[in-house]
């Protein structure tokens, strides 16, 4: 048993542990006939780091725009502008499917 509590209960490196990424890549390759490697996968320790990584990946220049459907989590704007993109909102459609009265 691992007695190092930081290794046992701590966070991984930003992209995730390579052994975990390799295991997932191997599993996907076996199940779906793909050719992923650990380098194709990026794990995060929560939604916020994942959203920040996506915003950084999608921001190619100062004219990049990232859309959020309103209402949205208020931190999205911080994530987008921190990546250097412009934050734009799109209103949600008011006409929704009513699953209870069909």
Protein backbone atom coordinates (compact mmCIF):
# COMPACT_ATOMS: atom_id res chain seq x y z
CA UNK A 1 0.00 0.00 0.00
CA UNK A 2 1.24 3.48 -0.85
CA UNK A 3 1.95 5.40 2.37
CA UNK A 4 2.62 8.73 0.59
CA UNK A 5 -0.67 10.57 1.20
CA UNK A 6 0.10 13.23 -1.42
CA UNK A 7 0.50 10.59 -4.14
CA UNK A 8 -2.48 8.64 -2.86
CA UNK A 9 -4.90 11.55 -2.40
CA UNK A 10 -3.31 14.45 -4.31
CA UNK A 11 -4.02 15.93 -7.69
CA UNK A 12 -2.28 14.72 -10.82
CA UNK A 13 -0.18 16.82 -13.15
CA UNK A 14 -2.19 19.15 -15.41
CA UNK A 15 -2.69 16.66 -18.25
CA UNK A 16 -3.31 13.70 -15.96
CA UNK A 17 -1.03 10.81 -15.09
CA UNK A 18 0.49 9.22 -18.19
CA UNK A 19 -0.27 5.72 -16.93
CA UNK A 20 -3.98 6.58 -16.65
CA UNK A 21 -4.04 8.26 -20.07
CA UNK A 22 -2.27 5.25 -21.63
CA UNK A 23 -4.73 2.83 -20.01
CA UNK A 24 -7.70 4.76 -21.39
CA UNK A 25 -6.08 5.04 -24.84
CA UNK A 26 -5.40 1.30 -24.86
CA UNK A 27 -8.99 0.59 -23.84
CA UNK A 28 -10.41 2.84 -26.57
CA UNK A 29 -8.12 1.27 -29.16
CA UNK A 30 -9.17 -2.24 -28.17
CA UNK A 31 -12.89 -1.45 -28.16
CA UNK A 32 -13.08 0.80 -31.23
CA UNK A 33 -10.07 -0.08 -33.39
CA UNK A 34 -8.53 3.38 -32.98
CA UNK A 35 -4.87 4.31 -32.57
CA UNK A 36 -4.86 6.77 -29.66
CA UNK A 37 -1.85 7.28 -27.43
CA UNK A 38 -1.54 8.92 -24.04
CA UNK A 39 -0.59 12.12 -25.88
CA UNK A 40 -4.09 12.29 -27.44
CA UNK A 41 -5.79 12.52 -24.05
CA UNK A 42 -5.93 15.33 -21.51
CA UNK A 43 -7.46 14.70 -18.09
CA UNK A 44 -8.39 17.44 -15.66
CA UNK A 45 -9.20 17.64 -11.97
CA UNK A 46 -12.58 19.24 -12.50
CA UNK A 47 -14.72 21.19 -14.93
CA UNK A 48 -13.03 24.59 -14.52
CA UNK A 49 -9.58 23.43 -15.68
CA UNK A 50 -11.20 21.57 -18.58
CA UNK A 51 -13.14 24.65 -19.70
CA UNK A 52 -10.01 26.81 -19.39
CA UNK A 53 -8.06 24.33 -21.52
CA UNK A 54 -10.79 24.35 -24.19
CA UNK A 55 -10.92 28.16 -24.19
CA UNK A 56 -7.14 28.31 -24.64
CA UNK A 57 -7.28 25.76 -27.45
CA UNK A 58 -10.07 27.62 -29.29
CA UNK A 59 -8.47 31.06 -28.98
CA UNK A 60 -6.31 31.51 -32.08
CA UNK A 61 -6.05 35.31 -32.07
CA UNK A 62 -7.54 38.45 -30.52
CA UNK A 63 -10.57 38.20 -32.84
CA UNK A 64 -11.56 34.75 -31.57
CA UNK A 65 -15.06 34.58 -30.13
CA UNK A 66 -16.46 31.96 -27.80
CA UNK A 67 -20.22 31.72 -27.37
CA UNK A 68 -22.19 30.84 -24.26
CA UNK A 69 -25.90 30.08 -24.20
CA UNK A 70 -27.63 32.24 -21.62
CA UNK A 71 -28.21 31.62 -18.84
CA UNK A 72 -24.68 30.41 -18.14
CA UNK A 73 -22.23 29.96 -15.28
CA UNK A 74 -20.79 33.43 -14.64
CA UNK A 75 -17.19 32.19 -14.53
CA UNK A 76 -17.35 31.31 -18.25
CA UNK A 77 -16.70 34.93 -19.14
CA UNK A 78 -13.58 34.97 -16.95
CA UNK A 79 -12.31 31.75 -18.55
CA UNK A 80 -12.87 33.09 -22.07
CA UNK A 81 -11.38 36.55 -21.55
CA UNK A 82 -8.41 35.09 -19.67
CA UNK A 83 -7.67 33.02 -22.76
CA UNK A 84 -7.70 36.21 -24.85
CA UNK A 85 -10.96 35.63 -26.70
CA UNK A 86 -14.11 37.71 -26.89
CA UNK A 87 -17.04 36.45 -24.84
CA UNK A 88 -20.43 36.49 -26.58
CA UNK A 89 -23.78 35.33 -25.28
CA UNK A 90 -26.62 33.78 -27.22
CA UNK A 91 -30.09 33.67 -25.67
CA UNK A 92 -31.63 30.27 -25.19
CA UNK A 93 -34.72 29.52 -27.22
CA UNK A 94 -37.84 30.24 -25.23
CA UNK A 95 -39.81 27.56 -27.02
CA UNK A 96 -38.80 24.36 -25.28
CA UNK A 97 -40.09 20.83 -25.54
CA UNK A 98 -42.72 20.20 -22.90
CA UNK A 99 -42.19 16.58 -21.91
CA UNK A 100 -45.12 16.63 -19.50
CA UNK A 101 -47.90 17.82 -21.83
CA UNK A 102 -47.45 16.06 -25.16
